[in-house]
Amino acid sequence: MEIGESAAAVSHTVYEAAKVSGAKGHQTFFRITLPLLTPGIAAGWILAFFAGFRELVILRWCAGTTSTCSRPGS
């Protein structure tokens, strides 16, 4: 979602200016598109990391350990 919002925020005049300046498709991507999408990519990566980390914490909490899940009479 963050990457899509970052891409939507880029004005088409930037790409038109690159085309008029003679930039090819890969040059436009690496010199214009990728740097402008970097904040959205970073935000998406951070959100995905923390969502996965949260699942790991919940899983470890639910699984417990032998010291916290002792049986009666042990």
Protein backbone atom coordinates (compact mmCIF):
# COMPACT_ATOMS: atom_id res chain seq x y z
CA MET A 1 0.00 0.00 0.00
CA GLU A 2 2.77 2.44 0.89
CA ILE A 3 4.55 1.83 -2.41
CA GLY A 4 1.37 2.49 -4.38
CA GLU A 5 0.79 5.73 -2.53
CA SER A 6 4.39 6.80 -3.17
CA ALA A 7 4.01 6.01 -6.87
CA ALA A 8 0.74 7.93 -7.08
CA ALA A 9 2.42 10.99 -5.54
CA VAL A 10 4.94 11.24 -8.41
CA SER A 11 3.93 13.78 -11.02
CA HIS A 12 3.86 12.61 -14.64
CA THR A 13 5.73 15.74 -15.65
CA VAL A 14 8.85 14.26 -14.03
CA TYR A 15 8.72 11.29 -16.39
CA GLU A 16 7.98 13.56 -19.35
CA ALA A 17 11.01 15.69 -18.49
CA ALA A 18 13.20 12.58 -18.32
CA LYS A 19 11.91 11.41 -21.70
CA VAL A 20 12.54 14.83 -23.27
CA SER A 21 16.05 14.81 -21.79
CA GLY A 22 16.74 11.53 -23.60
CA ALA A 23 16.62 9.11 -20.67
CA LYS A 24 15.85 5.52 -21.55
CA GLY A 25 13.41 3.36 -19.60
CA HIS A 26 15.95 1.78 -17.26
CA GLN A 27 17.63 5.14 -16.64
CA THR A 28 14.28 6.67 -15.74
CA PHE A 29 13.57 3.81 -13.34
CA PHE A 30 16.92 3.86 -11.54
CA ARG A 31 17.42 7.63 -11.47
CA ILE A 32 13.86 8.86 -10.91
CA THR A 33 11.35 6.18 -9.97
CA LEU A 34 13.41 4.14 -7.50
CA PRO A 35 14.69 7.11 -5.47
CA LEU A 36 11.18 8.54 -5.25
CA LEU A 37 9.73 5.17 -4.15
CA THR A 38 12.43 4.50 -1.54
CA PRO A 39 10.47 6.00 1.40
CA GLY A 40 7.41 3.90 0.49
CA ILE A 41 9.52 0.76 0.10
CA ALA A 42 11.17 1.39 3.47
CA ALA A 43 7.82 1.99 5.18
CA GLY A 44 6.37 -1.20 3.69
CA TRP A 45 9.42 -3.19 4.77
CA ILE A 46 9.25 -1.84 8.33
CA LEU A 47 5.54 -2.56 8.65
CA ALA A 48 5.99 -6.10 7.30
CA PHE A 49 8.93 -6.71 9.65
CA PHE A 50 7.04 -5.60 12.74
CA ALA A 51 3.93 -7.56 11.75
CA GLY A 52 6.04 -10.69 11.41
CA PHE A 53 7.90 -9.96 14.63
CA ARG A 54 4.60 -9.52 16.47
CA GLU A 55 3.45 -12.92 15.24
CA LEU A 56 6.68 -14.47 16.49
CA VAL A 57 6.23 -12.91 19.93
CA ILE A 58 2.63 -14.13 20.14
CA LEU A 59 3.65 -17.61 19.02
CA ARG A 60 6.41 -17.83 21.62
CA TRP A 61 4.07 -16.52 24.30
CA CYS A 62 1.39 -19.08 23.44
CA ALA A 63 3.88 -21.93 23.18
CA GLY A 64 5.33 -21.26 26.61
CA THR A 65 8.28 -23.08 28.09
CA THR A 66 8.65 -26.11 30.31
CA SER A 67 9.31 -23.90 33.33
CA THR A 68 6.03 -21.99 32.88
CA CYS A 69 3.91 -24.95 31.76
CA SER A 70 4.58 -27.47 34.50
CA ARG A 71 2.11 -30.26 35.18
CA PRO A 72 0.51 -30.74 38.58
CA GLY A 73 2.58 -33.01 40.78
CA SER A 74 5.86 -32.29 38.96
